[in-house]
Amino acid sequence: MNSCEYHTAYNTKLLDRLEPLAELGASATLCMLRGTHTLYVVKHLPASLLSMLQALAKAVSPRIADLRAFRCYGDEIEAAFDYADGETLHARLESSGPMEAVSAAHICMDVCEGLAALHSVGVVHRDINPNNIVLTRDGRAVIIDCGIARSFLGERTADTMILGTPGYAAPEQFGFTQSDARTDLYAVGVLFNVMITGELPNETLAAEKPGKIVSRCIAIDAKNRPASAEEL
């Protein structure tokens, strides 16, 4: 029997009122709340992510696409997230190229605020990269796509699956130890460097103080990185 059958769904009335508008990918659909112009992204996720979604439902921040509802169908979970209206950071960098360090720092501060909300409920995103950051029309940076996020489990010594975006994934995501909040901070360091230089830190390290921040974030030993998103 699937684990979904043992848990109560969350806010299913919202899911029942969503009307599909467009496919966003193999497992994501843009939907509108009936009778309004409010948009949501509905994703179909594996049942193995149930405990993570239960934790994620408790995280609320203007810097993350909040989870608003979910329910189970056999081996699959249907989940509705807020829609972040804007362009991805990847698209911005593709069109405009590298940015000033101050602008990059403001984006990273927004990302850290969102990560702090996730980490506070024990969720590690594990895939912070320019495609998963949306720059909204009102000037916010919003974290999207928790598709490979997981709950931190204190008794586990290593991740069971190797996941993440090459270049942004911390060493522990390759099976050496368990990923935790500092895994996301590694990716923020890479993100900061890419925004400033247009390249990964191992290709070109940002100069001066930004480079020192990046170097600390991407330390091989997680103990040498900032201890939390708030600290960073």
C-alpha atoms as a PDB file:
ATOM      1  CA  MET A   1       0.000   0.000   0.000  1.00  0.00           C
ATOM      2  CA  ASN A   2       1.372   3.406  -0.958  1.00  0.00           C
ATOM      3  CA  SER A   3       2.374   5.786   1.844  1.00  0.00           C
ATOM      4  CA  CYS A   4       0.021   8.418   0.411  1.00  0.00           C
ATOM      5  CA  GLU A   5      -2.961   6.437   1.631  1.00  0.00           C
ATOM      6  CA  TYR A   6      -1.994   7.048   5.252  1.00  0.00           C
ATOM      7  CA  HIS A   7      -2.028  10.846   5.072  1.00  0.00           C
ATOM      8  CA  THR A   8      -4.715  13.490   4.717  1.00  0.00           C
ATOM      9  CA  ALA A   9      -4.478  15.677   1.627  1.00  0.00           C
ATOM     10  CA  TYR A  10      -3.941  19.409   2.038  1.00  0.00           C
ATOM     11  CA  ASN A  11      -6.426  22.046   0.779  1.00  0.00           C
ATOM     12  CA  THR A  12      -7.972  19.856  -1.936  1.00  0.00           C
ATOM     13  CA  LYS A  13     -10.808  22.361  -2.481  1.00  0.00           C
ATOM     14  CA  LEU A  14      -8.294  24.628  -4.213  1.00  0.00           C
ATOM     15  CA  LEU A  15      -7.216  21.833  -6.556  1.00  0.00           C
ATOM     16  CA  ASP A  16     -10.856  21.169  -7.479  1.00  0.00           C
ATOM     17  CA  ARG A  17     -11.285  24.807  -8.574  1.00  0.00           C
ATOM     18  CA  LEU A  18      -8.230  24.996 -10.854  1.00  0.00           C
ATOM     19  CA  GLU A  19      -8.680  25.071 -14.625  1.00  0.00           C
ATOM     20  CA  PRO A  20      -5.754  24.083 -16.911  1.00  0.00           C
ATOM     21  CA  LEU A  21      -4.392  26.777 -19.230  1.00  0.00           C
ATOM     22  CA  ALA A  22      -1.125  25.478 -20.673  1.00  0.00           C
ATOM     23  CA  GLU A  23       1.396  22.692 -20.311  1.00  0.00           C
ATOM     24  CA  LEU A  24       4.707  23.901 -18.852  1.00  0.00           C
ATOM     25  CA  GLY A  25       6.524  20.599 -19.203  1.00  0.00           C
ATOM     26  CA  ALA A  26       6.141  16.872 -18.831  1.00  0.00           C
ATOM     27  CA  SER A  27       4.781  17.115 -15.285  1.00  0.00           C
ATOM     28  CA  ALA A  28       3.692  20.746 -14.814  1.00  0.00           C
ATOM     29  CA  THR A  29       0.571  22.659 -15.885  1.00  0.00           C
ATOM     30  CA  LEU A  30      -0.269  26.353 -15.622  1.00  0.00           C
ATOM     31  CA  CYS A  31      -3.751  26.686 -14.112  1.00  0.00           C
ATOM     32  CA  MET A  32      -6.150  29.491 -13.190  1.00  0.00           C
ATOM     33  CA  LEU A  33      -8.413  29.574 -10.156  1.00  0.00           C
ATOM     34  CA  ARG A  34     -11.989  29.486 -11.415  1.00  0.00           C
ATOM     35  CA  GLY A  35     -13.678  32.894 -11.240  1.00  0.00           C
ATOM     36  CA  THR A  36     -10.394  34.768 -10.674  1.00  0.00           C
ATOM     37  CA  HIS A  37      -7.197  35.633 -12.514  1.00  0.00           C
ATOM     38  CA  THR A  38      -4.986  33.928  -9.926  1.00  0.00           C
ATOM     39  CA  LEU A  39      -2.462  31.538 -11.467  1.00  0.00           C
ATOM     40  CA  TYR A  40      -0.935  28.378 -10.031  1.00  0.00           C
ATOM     41  CA  VAL A  41       1.483  25.762 -11.275  1.00  0.00           C
ATOM     42  CA  VAL A  42       0.229  22.208 -10.741  1.00  0.00           C
ATOM     43  CA  LYS A  43       2.915  19.537 -10.649  1.00  0.00           C
ATOM     44  CA  HIS A  44       2.734  15.760 -10.549  1.00  0.00           C
ATOM     45  CA  LEU A  45       5.413  14.426  -8.208  1.00  0.00           C
ATOM     46  CA  PRO A  46       6.361  10.963  -6.944  1.00  0.00           C
ATOM     47  CA  ALA A  47       4.766   9.746  -3.717  1.00  0.00           C
ATOM     48  CA  SER A  48       8.251   9.483  -2.197  1.00  0.00           C
ATOM     49  CA  LEU A  49       8.185  13.285  -1.782  1.00  0.00           C
ATOM     50  CA  LEU A  50       5.150  13.243   0.529  1.00  0.00           C
ATOM     51  CA  SER A  51       7.017  13.979   3.767  1.00  0.00           C
ATOM     52  CA  MET A  52       8.915  16.805   2.079  1.00  0.00           C
ATOM     53  CA  LEU A  53       5.669  18.342   0.782  1.00  0.00           C
ATOM     54  CA  GLN A  54       4.088  18.131   4.225  1.00  0.00           C
ATOM     55  CA  ALA A  55       7.034  20.123   5.580  1.00  0.00           C
ATOM     56  CA  LEU A  56       7.071  22.497   2.599  1.00  0.00           C
ATOM     57  CA  ALA A  57       3.409  23.388   3.171  1.00  0.00           C
ATOM     58  CA  LYS A  58       4.507  25.056   6.425  1.00  0.00           C
ATOM     59  CA  ALA A  59       7.044  27.333   4.699  1.00  0.00           C
ATOM     60  CA  VAL A  60       5.682  30.758   3.785  1.00  0.00           C
ATOM     61  CA  SER A  61       7.788  33.499   2.201  1.00  0.00           C
ATOM     62  CA  PRO A  62       7.452  36.072  -0.601  1.00  0.00           C
ATOM     63  CA  ARG A  63      10.780  34.638  -1.859  1.00  0.00           C
ATOM     64  CA  ILE A  64       9.453  31.157  -2.628  1.00  0.00           C
ATOM     65  CA  ALA A  65       6.617  29.849  -4.781  1.00  0.00           C
ATOM     66  CA  ASP A  66       4.497  28.670  -1.865  1.00  0.00           C
ATOM     67  CA  LEU A  67       2.882  25.234  -1.890  1.00  0.00           C
ATOM     68  CA  ARG A  68      -0.876  25.807  -1.608  1.00  0.00           C
ATOM     69  CA  ALA A  69      -2.419  22.334  -1.960  1.00  0.00           C
ATOM     70  CA  PHE A  70      -1.645  18.674  -2.600  1.00  0.00           C
ATOM     71  CA  ARG A  71      -3.333  15.289  -2.756  1.00  0.00           C
ATOM     72  CA  CYS A  72      -2.317  11.741  -3.615  1.00  0.00           C
ATOM     73  CA  TYR A  73      -3.281   9.492  -6.490  1.00  0.00           C
ATOM     74  CA  GLY A  74      -1.701   6.090  -6.013  1.00  0.00           C
ATOM     75  CA  ASP A  75       2.029   6.520  -6.661  1.00  0.00           C
ATOM     76  CA  GLU A  76       1.704  10.199  -7.580  1.00  0.00           C
ATOM     77  CA  ILE A  77       1.087  13.496  -5.805  1.00  0.00           C
ATOM     78  CA  GLU A  78      -0.748  16.414  -7.401  1.00  0.00           C
ATOM     79  CA  ALA A  79       0.565  19.670  -5.930  1.00  0.00           C
ATOM     80  CA  ALA A  80      -0.351  23.317  -6.585  1.00  0.00           C
ATOM     81  CA  PHE A  81       2.261  26.051  -6.191  1.00  0.00           C
ATOM     82  CA  ASP A  82       1.976  29.824  -6.521  1.00  0.00           C
ATOM     83  CA  TYR A  83       2.889  31.047 -10.009  1.00  0.00           C
ATOM     84  CA  ALA A  84       5.856  33.444 -10.062  1.00  0.00           C
ATOM     85  CA  ASP A  85       5.205  35.943 -12.865  1.00  0.00           C
ATOM     86  CA  GLY A  86       8.418  37.121 -14.480  1.00  0.00           C
ATOM     87  CA  GLU A  87      11.507  35.820 -16.262  1.00  0.00           C
ATOM     88  CA  THR A  88      14.034  33.314 -15.034  1.00  0.00           C
ATOM     89  CA  LEU A  89      17.448  34.510 -13.970  1.00  0.00           C
ATOM     90  CA  HIS A  90      18.809  32.289 -16.741  1.00  0.00           C
ATOM     91  CA  ALA A  91      16.798  34.244 -19.326  1.00  0.00           C
ATOM     92  CA  ARG A  92      17.961  37.564 -17.851  1.00  0.00           C
ATOM     93  CA  LEU A  93      21.623  36.534 -17.997  1.00  0.00           C
ATOM     94  CA  GLU A  94      21.183  35.184 -21.533  1.00  0.00           C
ATOM     95  CA  SER A  95      19.735  38.499 -22.735  1.00  0.00           C
ATOM     96  CA  SER A  96      21.780  40.977 -20.708  1.00  0.00           C
ATOM     97  CA  GLY A  97      24.974  39.179 -19.706  1.00  0.00           C
ATOM     98  CA  PRO A  98      26.782  39.496 -16.356  1.00  0.00           C
ATOM     99  CA  MET A  99      25.616  42.135 -13.873  1.00  0.00           C
ATOM    100  CA  GLU A 100      27.166  44.430 -11.305  1.00  0.00           C
ATOM    101  CA  ALA A 101      28.101  42.777  -8.012  1.00  0.00           C
ATOM    102  CA  VAL A 102      25.631  44.926  -6.059  1.00  0.00           C
ATOM    103  CA  SER A 103      22.707  43.823  -8.242  1.00  0.00           C
ATOM    104  CA  ALA A 104      23.824  40.196  -7.977  1.00  0.00           C
ATOM    105  CA  ALA A 105      24.092  40.547  -4.199  1.00  0.00           C
ATOM    106  CA  HIS A 106      20.504  41.834  -3.925  1.00  0.00           C
ATOM    107  CA  ILE A 107      19.247  38.807  -5.866  1.00  0.00           C
ATOM    108  CA  CYS A 108      21.260  36.473  -3.661  1.00  0.00           C
ATOM    109  CA  MET A 109      19.876  38.149  -0.540  1.00  0.00           C
ATOM    110  CA  ASP A 110      16.346  37.420  -1.790  1.00  0.00           C
ATOM    111  CA  VAL A 111      17.346  33.820  -2.507  1.00  0.00           C
ATOM    112  CA  CYS A 112      18.815  33.491   0.985  1.00  0.00           C
ATOM    113  CA  GLU A 113      15.585  34.824   2.489  1.00  0.00           C
ATOM    114  CA  GLY A 114      13.640  32.165   0.616  1.00  0.00           C
ATOM    115  CA  LEU A 115      16.107  29.462   1.607  1.00  0.00           C
ATOM    116  CA  ALA A 116      15.847  30.512   5.247  1.00  0.00           C
ATOM    117  CA  ALA A 117      12.088  29.825   5.060  1.00  0.00           C
ATOM    118  CA  LEU A 118      12.685  26.399   3.513  1.00  0.00           C
ATOM    119  CA  HIS A 119      15.434  25.473   5.940  1.00  0.00           C
ATOM    120  CA  SER A 120      13.315  26.548   8.912  1.00  0.00           C
ATOM    121  CA  VAL A 121      10.916  23.669   8.163  1.00  0.00           C
ATOM    122  CA  GLY A 122      13.725  21.207   7.422  1.00  0.00           C
ATOM    123  CA  VAL A 123      13.562  21.342   3.610  1.00  0.00           C
ATOM    124  CA  VAL A 124      16.715  21.473   1.455  1.00  0.00           C
ATOM    125  CA  HIS A 125      16.053  22.680  -2.114  1.00  0.00           C
ATOM    126  CA  ARG A 126      19.125  20.982  -3.690  1.00  0.00           C
ATOM    127  CA  ASP A 127      18.792  22.622  -7.117  1.00  0.00           C
ATOM    128  CA  ILE A 128      19.394  26.357  -6.795  1.00  0.00           C
ATOM    129  CA  ASN A 129      20.429  27.547 -10.261  1.00  0.00           C
ATOM    130  CA  PRO A 130      19.445  30.364 -12.688  1.00  0.00           C
ATOM    131  CA  ASN A 131      16.562  28.329 -14.146  1.00  0.00           C
ATOM    132  CA  ASN A 132      14.964  27.975 -10.707  1.00  0.00           C
ATOM    133  CA  ILE A 133      15.086  31.673  -9.800  1.00  0.00           C
ATOM    134  CA  VAL A 134      12.357  33.930 -11.208  1.00  0.00           C
ATOM    135  CA  LEU A 135      12.810  37.705 -11.301  1.00  0.00           C
ATOM    136  CA  THR A 136       9.278  39.024 -10.888  1.00  0.00           C
ATOM    137  CA  ARG A 137       7.743  42.133 -12.372  1.00  0.00           C
ATOM    138  CA  ASP A 138       7.711  43.805  -8.947  1.00  0.00           C
ATOM    139  CA  GLY A 139      11.446  43.342  -8.484  1.00  0.00           C
ATOM    140  CA  ARG A 140      11.598  40.203  -6.322  1.00  0.00           C
ATOM    141  CA  ALA A 141      13.695  37.110  -6.806  1.00  0.00           C
ATOM    142  CA  VAL A 142      11.584  34.008  -6.151  1.00  0.00           C
ATOM    143  CA  ILE A 143      12.739  30.407  -5.760  1.00  0.00           C
ATOM    144  CA  ILE A 144      10.714  27.907  -7.783  1.00  0.00           C
ATOM    145  CA  ASP A 145      10.759  24.157  -8.474  1.00  0.00           C
ATOM    146  CA  CYS A 146      11.258  22.056  -5.376  1.00  0.00           C
ATOM    147  CA  GLY A 147      11.097  18.922  -7.514  1.00  0.00           C
ATOM    148  CA  ILE A 148      14.237  17.373  -6.013  1.00  0.00           C
ATOM    149  CA  ALA A 149      13.999  18.985  -2.584  1.00  0.00           C
ATOM    150  CA  ARG A 150      14.134  16.707   0.428  1.00  0.00           C
ATOM    151  CA  SER A 151      13.618  16.836   4.166  1.00  0.00           C
ATOM    152  CA  PHE A 152      16.796  16.751   6.239  1.00  0.00           C
ATOM    153  CA  LEU A 153      17.051  13.482   8.143  1.00  0.00           C
ATOM    154  CA  GLY A 154      19.450  13.646  11.056  1.00  0.00           C
ATOM    155  CA  GLU A 155      20.121   9.906  11.150  1.00  0.00           C
ATOM    156  CA  ARG A 156      21.091   9.592   7.476  1.00  0.00           C
ATOM    157  CA  THR A 157      24.771   9.725   6.525  1.00  0.00           C
ATOM    158  CA  ALA A 158      24.370  10.286   2.778  1.00  0.00           C
ATOM    159  CA  ASP A 159      21.788  11.103   0.123  1.00  0.00           C
ATOM    160  CA  THR A 160      20.194   8.097  -1.505  1.00  0.00           C
ATOM    161  CA  MET A 161      20.020   9.712  -4.959  1.00  0.00           C
ATOM    162  CA  ILE A 162      22.564  11.811  -6.856  1.00  0.00           C
ATOM    163  CA  LEU A 163      20.641  14.875  -8.056  1.00  0.00           C
ATOM    164  CA  GLY A 164      21.300  18.509  -8.850  1.00  0.00           C
ATOM    165  CA  THR A 165      22.484  20.739 -11.678  1.00  0.00           C
ATOM    166  CA  PRO A 166      26.127  20.191 -12.755  1.00  0.00           C
ATOM    167  CA  GLY A 167      28.302  23.079 -11.610  1.00  0.00           C
ATOM    168  CA  TYR A 168      25.838  24.077  -8.886  1.00  0.00           C
ATOM    169  CA  ALA A 169      25.602  20.762  -7.022  1.00  0.00           C
ATOM    170  CA  ALA A 170      27.721  20.551  -3.860  1.00  0.00           C
ATOM    171  CA  PRO A 171      30.132  17.626  -3.341  1.00  0.00           C
ATOM    172  CA  GLU A 172      27.795  15.987  -0.834  1.00  0.00           C
ATOM    173  CA  GLN A 173      25.153  15.637  -3.560  1.00  0.00           C
ATOM    174  CA  PHE A 174      27.370  13.049  -5.211  1.00  0.00           C
ATOM    175  CA  GLY A 175      26.818  10.593  -2.377  1.00  0.00           C
ATOM    176  CA  PHE A 176      29.630  11.421   0.044  1.00  0.00           C
ATOM    177  CA  THR A 177      27.492  12.812   2.896  1.00  0.00           C
ATOM    178  CA  GLN A 178      23.900  13.937   3.429  1.00  0.00           C
ATOM    179  CA  SER A 179      22.873  17.271   1.911  1.00  0.00           C
ATOM    180  CA  ASP A 180      21.692  19.947   4.341  1.00  0.00           C
ATOM    181  CA  ALA A 181      21.152  23.716   4.417  1.00  0.00           C
ATOM    182  CA  ARG A 182      24.807  24.339   3.545  1.00  0.00           C
ATOM    183  CA  THR A 183      24.292  22.412   0.295  1.00  0.00           C
ATOM    184  CA  ASP A 184      21.989  25.192  -0.891  1.00  0.00           C
ATOM    185  CA  LEU A 185      24.520  27.825   0.194  1.00  0.00           C
ATOM    186  CA  TYR A 186      27.145  26.180  -2.030  1.00  0.00           C
ATOM    187  CA  ALA A 187      24.788  26.724  -4.972  1.00  0.00           C
ATOM    188  CA  VAL A 188      24.154  30.352  -3.941  1.00  0.00           C
ATOM    189  CA  GLY A 189      27.917  30.954  -4.065  1.00  0.00           C
ATOM    190  CA  VAL A 190      28.090  29.527  -7.582  1.00  0.00           C
ATOM    191  CA  LEU A 191      25.028  31.575  -8.556  1.00  0.00           C
ATOM    192  CA  PHE A 192      26.625  34.792  -7.239  1.00  0.00           C
ATOM    193  CA  ASN A 193      29.784  34.106  -9.239  1.00  0.00           C
ATOM    194  CA  VAL A 194      27.909  33.305 -12.457  1.00  0.00           C
ATOM    195  CA  MET A 195      25.852  36.511 -12.196  1.00  0.00           C
ATOM    196  CA  ILE A 196      29.007  38.606 -11.873  1.00  0.00           C
ATOM    197  CA  THR A 197      31.434  36.842 -14.227  1.00  0.00           C
ATOM    198  CA  GLY A 198      29.194  34.806 -16.516  1.00  0.00           C
ATOM    199  CA  GLU A 199      31.201  31.716 -15.609  1.00  0.00           C
ATOM    200  CA  LEU A 200      31.445  29.034 -12.933  1.00  0.00           C
ATOM    201  CA  PRO A 201      33.935  29.714 -10.101  1.00  0.00           C
ATOM    202  CA  ASN A 202      36.337  27.020 -11.315  1.00  0.00           C
ATOM    203  CA  GLU A 203      36.546  28.865 -14.649  1.00  0.00           C
ATOM    204  CA  THR A 204      36.696  32.482 -13.455  1.00  0.00           C
ATOM    205  CA  LEU A 205      36.412  33.515  -9.806  1.00  0.00           C
ATOM    206  CA  ALA A 206      34.823  36.876  -9.063  1.00  0.00           C
ATOM    207  CA  ALA A 207      37.324  39.513  -7.949  1.00  0.00           C
ATOM    208  CA  GLU A 208      37.891  41.015  -4.515  1.00  0.00           C
ATOM    209  CA  LYS A 209      35.251  40.685  -1.781  1.00  0.00           C
ATOM    210  CA  PRO A 210      32.648  38.902  -3.960  1.00  0.00           C
ATOM    211  CA  GLY A 211      35.277  36.294  -4.781  1.00  0.00           C
ATOM    212  CA  LYS A 212      35.991  35.753  -1.091  1.00  0.00           C
ATOM    213  CA  ILE A 213      32.276  35.231  -0.430  1.00  0.00           C
ATOM    214  CA  VAL A 214      32.047  32.754  -3.302  1.00  0.00           C
ATOM    215  CA  SER A 215      35.116  30.866  -2.106  1.00  0.00           C
ATOM    216  CA  ARG A 216      33.656  30.441   1.357  1.00  0.00           C
ATOM    217  CA  CYS A 217      30.312  29.251  -0.012  1.00  0.00           C
ATOM    218  CA  ILE A 218      31.887  26.620  -2.253  1.00  0.00           C
ATOM    219  CA  ALA A 219      34.274  25.173   0.319  1.00  0.00           C
ATOM    220  CA  ILE A 220      34.564  21.411  -0.230  1.00  0.00           C
ATOM    221  CA  ASP A 221      34.030  20.765   3.485  1.00  0.00           C
ATOM    222  CA  ALA A 222      30.541  22.044   4.360  1.00  0.00           C
ATOM    223  CA  LYS A 223      31.792  22.977   7.847  1.00  0.00           C
ATOM    224  CA  ASN A 224      33.785  25.813   6.253  1.00  0.00           C
ATOM    225  CA  ARG A 225      30.762  27.355   4.510  1.00  0.00           C
ATOM    226  CA  PRO A 226      28.383  29.877   6.107  1.00  0.00           C
ATOM    227  CA  ALA A 227      26.371  28.035   8.746  1.00  0.00           C
ATOM    228  CA  SER A 228      22.989  29.316   7.564  1.00  0.00           C
ATOM    229  CA  ALA A 229      21.199  31.339   4.905  1.00  0.00           C
ATOM    230  CA  GLU A 230      20.742  34.123   7.474  1.00  0.00           C
ATOM    231  CA  GLU A 231      24.489  34.266   8.077  1.00  0.00           C
ATOM    232  CA  LEU A 232      25.255  34.407   4.357  1.00  0.00           C
END
